[in-house]
Structures are given as structure tokens and as C-alpha cells.
């Protein structure tokens, strides 16, 4: 995280894409600490993060442009378990979302999407499905330079393939 500079895009776990607006040296508990001022794209909120807490929080760079297609391959092939009790499923999904890792968010999205095809989701699960989709689209659009609508369409196409595989019994 020491190589970050003003203008860099970063992913803040469970909030999504942000842009570093400023970096300052500030004193915390008598120590000089490099501090990131990050503007979140989702709601225009400014968050302040000491650099020594960035890794612990899970702050990371977005996936690279070359890894965007690998993401869709991962989403298509990753297995998910939709049989768990909703409380256990919700806790597991909540923990995955909190990690901020794109692969974890993809698992949540795929599982909830597939589950929604067979039964209505609870209010919380619907919100989590929407949030996971939003986080995926936002990061992939920023990484690829494609418009979010193109990423959204590609995501829909990928999940349609997953649903087709599930119905034919060839994938999870």
C-alpha cells in the first residue's frame, strides 16, 4: 500500500471502488503515519485510513484489466452450495462480502442468483444479491474501462450459462 498515490483507484471492502484524493502525513499517538483520504464512488463519502491499517481493513487495488476475463471464467466455474439453512447461509455470505475479495463476492452473487431462480429470497438476501452485483460491476467497469452496462450484460450472460449448466446437471 506504500506505492499508492493520489488519483489511484482502490477497493474498500463492502463499499467498493474509491479514489485516493489526498495522502497526508499525520500524527497518531505520537507517531507520524501516512494517511489516505479516499472518496467512495458509491455514495461520495470521504473515508480516512491510516496506511498502517490499510491491509488489516482489506484495502486493495482493483483487479487488473487482464484479470477481468479470468473473473468471468471463475464465476462460471466456481461451485456454490445453495442447500444451507438461510441463517447459516446469510452468515457465511456476510463474512464473504466483508472480506472484500472479488472472488468471495462472486461466490455470494452466484449462490444468491441461483437460489433466487428456485425460491424467493429473504429481504436481507435480496439486498445482499443487489450489493454483490453492484460491487462486481463497479470494480470490473473500473478495471476494464468498459461501461457498467456492458459489464452488467456480460454478468447476465455468464449467469445465464451457469443456470443452463445447473438445469442440465453439468455444473453447480
C-alpha atoms as a PDB file:
ATOM      1  CA  UNK A   1       0.000   0.000   0.000  1.00  0.00           C
ATOM      2  CA  UNK A   2       3.022   2.276   0.173  1.00  0.00           C
ATOM      3  CA  UNK A   3       3.059   2.647  -3.609  1.00  0.00           C
ATOM      4  CA  UNK A   4      -0.405   4.232  -3.682  1.00  0.00           C
ATOM      5  CA  UNK A   5      -0.632   7.805  -4.897  1.00  0.00           C
ATOM      6  CA  UNK A   6      -3.272  10.488  -5.348  1.00  0.00           C
ATOM      7  CA  UNK A   7      -5.668   9.512  -8.141  1.00  0.00           C
ATOM      8  CA  UNK A   8      -5.213   5.751  -7.700  1.00  0.00           C
ATOM      9  CA  UNK A   9      -8.333   3.601  -7.582  1.00  0.00           C
ATOM     10  CA  UNK A  10      -8.742   1.262  -4.621  1.00  0.00           C
ATOM     11  CA  UNK A  11     -11.343  -1.189  -3.374  1.00  0.00           C
ATOM     12  CA  UNK A  12     -12.678  -0.623   0.127  1.00  0.00           C
ATOM     13  CA  UNK A  13     -14.278  -3.863   1.419  1.00  0.00           C
ATOM     14  CA  UNK A  14     -18.094  -3.943   1.355  1.00  0.00           C
ATOM     15  CA  UNK A  15     -18.153  -0.393  -0.059  1.00  0.00           C
ATOM     16  CA  UNK A  16     -16.477  -0.866  -3.418  1.00  0.00           C
ATOM     17  CA  UNK A  17     -14.496   1.473  -5.580  1.00  0.00           C
ATOM     18  CA  UNK A  18     -12.827   4.574  -4.219  1.00  0.00           C
ATOM     19  CA  UNK A  19     -10.275   7.082  -5.457  1.00  0.00           C
ATOM     20  CA  UNK A  20      -7.420   8.399  -3.363  1.00  0.00           C
ATOM     21  CA  UNK A  21      -7.996  12.162  -3.160  1.00  0.00           C
ATOM     22  CA  UNK A  22      -5.148  13.019  -0.829  1.00  0.00           C
ATOM     23  CA  UNK A  23      -2.300  11.467   1.128  1.00  0.00           C
ATOM     24  CA  UNK A  24      -1.008  13.228   4.210  1.00  0.00           C
ATOM     25  CA  UNK A  25       1.467  12.577   6.983  1.00  0.00           C
ATOM     26  CA  UNK A  26      -0.400  12.880  10.270  1.00  0.00           C
ATOM     27  CA  UNK A  27       0.464  12.230  13.884  1.00  0.00           C
ATOM     28  CA  UNK A  28      -1.452   9.457  15.690  1.00  0.00           C
ATOM     29  CA  UNK A  29      -0.483   8.552  19.239  1.00  0.00           C
ATOM     30  CA  UNK A  30       2.783  10.406  18.846  1.00  0.00           C
ATOM     31  CA  UNK A  31       3.732   8.598  15.633  1.00  0.00           C
ATOM     32  CA  UNK A  32       3.885  10.061  12.137  1.00  0.00           C
ATOM     33  CA  UNK A  33       1.585   7.989   9.908  1.00  0.00           C
ATOM     34  CA  UNK A  34       0.836   8.185   6.197  1.00  0.00           C
ATOM     35  CA  UNK A  35      -2.932   8.653   5.828  1.00  0.00           C
ATOM     36  CA  UNK A  36      -5.118   8.020   2.776  1.00  0.00           C
ATOM     37  CA  UNK A  37      -8.167  10.164   2.045  1.00  0.00           C
ATOM     38  CA  UNK A  38     -10.417   8.042  -0.151  1.00  0.00           C
ATOM     39  CA  UNK A  39     -13.604   9.169  -1.903  1.00  0.00           C
ATOM     40  CA  UNK A  40     -16.031   6.249  -2.294  1.00  0.00           C
ATOM     41  CA  UNK A  41     -17.796   6.128  -5.653  1.00  0.00           C
ATOM     42  CA  UNK A  42     -20.947   4.527  -4.277  1.00  0.00           C
ATOM     43  CA  UNK A  43     -22.047   7.425  -2.071  1.00  0.00           C
ATOM     44  CA  UNK A  44     -19.373  10.120  -2.421  1.00  0.00           C
ATOM     45  CA  UNK A  45     -18.276   9.586   1.194  1.00  0.00           C
ATOM     46  CA  UNK A  46     -14.747  10.533   2.212  1.00  0.00           C
ATOM     47  CA  UNK A  47     -13.016   7.916   4.366  1.00  0.00           C
ATOM     48  CA  UNK A  48      -9.691   8.421   6.105  1.00  0.00           C
ATOM     49  CA  UNK A  49      -7.454   5.398   6.580  1.00  0.00           C
ATOM     50  CA  UNK A  50      -4.018   5.294   8.195  1.00  0.00           C
ATOM     51  CA  UNK A  51      -1.688   3.343   5.906  1.00  0.00           C
ATOM     52  CA  UNK A  52      -0.705   1.005   8.734  1.00  0.00           C
ATOM     53  CA  UNK A  53      -4.382  -0.106   8.955  1.00  0.00           C
ATOM     54  CA  UNK A  54      -4.986  -0.436   5.205  1.00  0.00           C
ATOM     55  CA  UNK A  55      -4.054  -4.122   4.943  1.00  0.00           C
ATOM     56  CA  UNK A  56      -5.988  -5.030   8.088  1.00  0.00           C
ATOM     57  CA  UNK A  57      -9.078  -3.269   6.737  1.00  0.00           C
ATOM     58  CA  UNK A  58      -8.659  -5.098   3.421  1.00  0.00           C
ATOM     59  CA  UNK A  59      -8.000  -2.072   1.232  1.00  0.00           C
ATOM     60  CA  UNK A  60      -6.696  -3.276  -2.125  1.00  0.00           C
ATOM     61  CA  UNK A  61      -6.217  -2.287  -5.725  1.00  0.00           C
ATOM     62  CA  UNK A  62      -8.914  -3.312  -8.224  1.00  0.00           C
ATOM     63  CA  UNK A  63      -8.254  -6.418 -10.297  1.00  0.00           C
ATOM     64  CA  UNK A  64      -6.101  -5.791 -13.331  1.00  0.00           C
ATOM     65  CA  UNK A  65      -7.627  -5.366 -16.774  1.00  0.00           C
ATOM     66  CA  UNK A  66      -6.186  -8.727 -17.851  1.00  0.00           C
ATOM     67  CA  UNK A  67      -7.955 -10.438 -14.930  1.00  0.00           C
ATOM     68  CA  UNK A  68     -11.444  -9.246 -15.895  1.00  0.00           C
ATOM     69  CA  UNK A  69     -11.969 -12.163 -18.302  1.00  0.00           C
ATOM     70  CA  UNK A  70     -10.469 -14.549 -15.734  1.00  0.00           C
ATOM     71  CA  UNK A  71     -13.111 -13.317 -13.299  1.00  0.00           C
ATOM     72  CA  UNK A  72     -15.919 -14.385 -15.640  1.00  0.00           C
ATOM     73  CA  UNK A  73     -14.271 -17.789 -16.095  1.00  0.00           C
ATOM     74  CA  UNK A  74     -14.058 -18.118 -12.316  1.00  0.00           C
ATOM     75  CA  UNK A  75     -17.691 -17.092 -11.865  1.00  0.00           C
ATOM     76  CA  UNK A  76     -18.815 -19.629 -14.439  1.00  0.00           C
ATOM     77  CA  UNK A  77     -16.845 -22.491 -12.888  1.00  0.00           C
ATOM     78  CA  UNK A  78     -16.906 -21.819  -9.117  1.00  0.00           C
ATOM     79  CA  UNK A  79     -19.147 -24.156  -7.172  1.00  0.00           C
ATOM     80  CA  UNK A  80     -21.682 -22.885  -4.669  1.00  0.00           C
ATOM     81  CA  UNK A  81     -23.888 -24.605  -2.116  1.00  0.00           C
ATOM     82  CA  UNK A  82     -27.480 -23.377  -2.106  1.00  0.00           C
ATOM     83  CA  UNK A  83     -28.743 -26.027   0.290  1.00  0.00           C
ATOM     84  CA  UNK A  84     -27.719 -24.443   3.596  1.00  0.00           C
ATOM     85  CA  UNK A  85     -30.210 -23.115   6.148  1.00  0.00           C
ATOM     86  CA  UNK A  86     -30.872 -19.415   5.465  1.00  0.00           C
ATOM     87  CA  UNK A  87     -29.331 -18.225   8.761  1.00  0.00           C
ATOM     88  CA  UNK A  88     -26.117 -20.185   8.171  1.00  0.00           C
ATOM     89  CA  UNK A  89     -26.099 -19.143   4.528  1.00  0.00           C
ATOM     90  CA  UNK A  90     -26.570 -15.485   5.442  1.00  0.00           C
ATOM     91  CA  UNK A  91     -23.717 -15.516   7.984  1.00  0.00           C
ATOM     92  CA  UNK A  92     -21.369 -17.247   5.553  1.00  0.00           C
ATOM     93  CA  UNK A  93     -22.293 -14.825   2.773  1.00  0.00           C
ATOM     94  CA  UNK A  94     -21.945 -11.847   5.106  1.00  0.00           C
ATOM     95  CA  UNK A  95     -18.407 -12.951   6.005  1.00  0.00           C
ATOM     96  CA  UNK A  96     -17.531 -13.425   2.334  1.00  0.00           C
ATOM     97  CA  UNK A  97     -18.847  -9.957   1.478  1.00  0.00           C
ATOM     98  CA  UNK A  98     -16.897  -8.439   4.367  1.00  0.00           C
ATOM     99  CA  UNK A  99     -13.638  -9.879   3.001  1.00  0.00           C
ATOM    100  CA  UNK A 100     -13.877  -7.517   0.032  1.00  0.00           C
ATOM    101  CA  UNK A 101     -12.227 -10.061  -2.259  1.00  0.00           C
ATOM    102  CA  UNK A 102     -13.788 -10.176  -5.719  1.00  0.00           C
ATOM    103  CA  UNK A 103     -13.839 -13.994  -5.809  1.00  0.00           C
ATOM    104  CA  UNK A 104     -15.690 -14.128  -2.485  1.00  0.00           C
ATOM    105  CA  UNK A 105     -18.239 -11.582  -3.682  1.00  0.00           C
ATOM    106  CA  UNK A 106     -18.660 -13.616  -6.874  1.00  0.00           C
ATOM    107  CA  UNK A 107     -19.491 -16.726  -4.853  1.00  0.00           C
ATOM    108  CA  UNK A 108     -22.130 -14.823  -2.892  1.00  0.00           C
ATOM    109  CA  UNK A 109     -23.624 -13.366  -6.053  1.00  0.00           C
ATOM    110  CA  UNK A 110     -23.731 -16.667  -7.917  1.00  0.00           C
ATOM    111  CA  UNK A 111     -25.213 -18.565  -4.980  1.00  0.00           C
ATOM    112  CA  UNK A 112     -27.930 -15.984  -4.319  1.00  0.00           C
ATOM    113  CA  UNK A 113     -28.715 -15.632  -8.012  1.00  0.00           C
ATOM    114  CA  UNK A 114     -29.107 -19.389  -8.462  1.00  0.00           C
ATOM    115  CA  UNK A 115     -31.143 -19.647  -5.272  1.00  0.00           C
ATOM    116  CA  UNK A 116     -33.429 -16.830  -6.445  1.00  0.00           C
ATOM    117  CA  UNK A 117     -34.263 -18.893  -9.512  1.00  0.00           C
ATOM    118  CA  UNK A 118     -35.794 -21.617  -7.363  1.00  0.00           C
ATOM    119  CA  UNK A 119     -37.375 -19.681  -4.481  1.00  0.00           C
ATOM    120  CA  UNK A 120     -37.933 -16.135  -3.246  1.00  0.00           C
ATOM    121  CA  UNK A 121     -35.051 -14.630  -1.299  1.00  0.00           C
ATOM    122  CA  UNK A 122     -35.475 -13.029   2.102  1.00  0.00           C
ATOM    123  CA  UNK A 123     -35.273  -9.228   2.231  1.00  0.00           C
ATOM    124  CA  UNK A 124     -31.685  -9.386   3.535  1.00  0.00           C
ATOM    125  CA  UNK A 125     -30.628 -11.841   0.856  1.00  0.00           C
ATOM    126  CA  UNK A 126     -32.191  -9.687  -1.865  1.00  0.00           C
ATOM    127  CA  UNK A 127     -30.201  -6.711  -0.569  1.00  0.00           C
ATOM    128  CA  UNK A 128     -27.034  -8.800  -0.481  1.00  0.00           C
ATOM    129  CA  UNK A 129     -27.665 -10.018  -4.051  1.00  0.00           C
ATOM    130  CA  UNK A 130     -28.053  -6.405  -5.213  1.00  0.00           C
ATOM    131  CA  UNK A 131     -24.970  -5.242  -3.285  1.00  0.00           C
ATOM    132  CA  UNK A 132     -22.776  -8.069  -4.566  1.00  0.00           C
ATOM    133  CA  UNK A 133     -23.828  -7.334  -8.151  1.00  0.00           C
ATOM    134  CA  UNK A 134     -23.165  -3.631  -7.679  1.00  0.00           C
ATOM    135  CA  UNK A 135     -19.688  -4.277  -6.230  1.00  0.00           C
ATOM    136  CA  UNK A 136     -18.761  -6.643  -9.069  1.00  0.00           C
ATOM    137  CA  UNK A 137     -19.970  -4.310 -11.810  1.00  0.00           C
ATOM    138  CA  UNK A 138     -18.309  -1.268 -10.286  1.00  0.00           C
ATOM    139  CA  UNK A 139     -14.912  -2.927  -9.903  1.00  0.00           C
ATOM    140  CA  UNK A 140     -14.911  -4.648 -13.282  1.00  0.00           C
ATOM    141  CA  UNK A 141     -16.029  -1.484 -15.083  1.00  0.00           C
ATOM    142  CA  UNK A 142     -13.200   0.468 -13.438  1.00  0.00           C
ATOM    143  CA  UNK A 143     -10.669  -2.260 -14.248  1.00  0.00           C
ATOM    144  CA  UNK A 144     -11.718  -2.870 -17.835  1.00  0.00           C
ATOM    145  CA  UNK A 145     -12.634   0.651 -18.894  1.00  0.00           C
ATOM    146  CA  UNK A 146     -15.965  -0.712 -20.143  1.00  0.00           C
ATOM    147  CA  UNK A 147     -19.253   0.998 -19.352  1.00  0.00           C
ATOM    148  CA  UNK A 148     -21.051  -0.601 -16.380  1.00  0.00           C
ATOM    149  CA  UNK A 149     -23.954  -1.582 -18.670  1.00  0.00           C
ATOM    150  CA  UNK A 150     -21.576  -3.726 -20.749  1.00  0.00           C
ATOM    151  CA  UNK A 151     -20.233  -5.423 -17.615  1.00  0.00           C
ATOM    152  CA  UNK A 152     -23.811  -5.926 -16.417  1.00  0.00           C
ATOM    153  CA  UNK A 153     -24.766  -7.582 -19.701  1.00  0.00           C
ATOM    154  CA  UNK A 154     -21.690  -9.815 -19.580  1.00  0.00           C
ATOM    155  CA  UNK A 155     -22.521 -10.762 -15.990  1.00  0.00           C
ATOM    156  CA  UNK A 156     -26.085 -11.656 -17.005  1.00  0.00           C
ATOM    157  CA  UNK A 157     -24.782 -13.737 -19.906  1.00  0.00           C
ATOM    158  CA  UNK A 158     -22.353 -15.586 -17.621  1.00  0.00           C
ATOM    159  CA  UNK A 159     -25.059 -16.378 -15.074  1.00  0.00           C
ATOM    160  CA  UNK A 160     -27.464 -17.482 -17.793  1.00  0.00           C
ATOM    161  CA  UNK A 161     -24.784 -20.015 -18.755  1.00  0.00           C
ATOM    162  CA  UNK A 162     -24.471 -21.113 -15.112  1.00  0.00           C
ATOM    163  CA  UNK A 163     -28.241 -21.541 -14.885  1.00  0.00           C
ATOM    164  CA  UNK A 164     -28.276 -23.556 -18.101  1.00  0.00           C
ATOM    165  CA  UNK A 165     -25.473 -25.769 -16.745  1.00  0.00           C
ATOM    166  CA  UNK A 166     -27.352 -26.240 -13.455  1.00  0.00           C
ATOM    167  CA  UNK A 167     -30.543 -27.262 -15.240  1.00  0.00           C
ATOM    168  CA  UNK A 168     -28.652 -29.713 -17.403  1.00  0.00           C
ATOM    169  CA  UNK A 169     -26.880 -31.074 -14.315  1.00  0.00           C
ATOM    170  CA  UNK A 170     -23.356 -30.342 -15.520  1.00  0.00           C
ATOM    171  CA  UNK A 171     -22.262 -27.674 -13.001  1.00  0.00           C
ATOM    172  CA  UNK A 172     -23.076 -26.075  -9.671  1.00  0.00           C
END
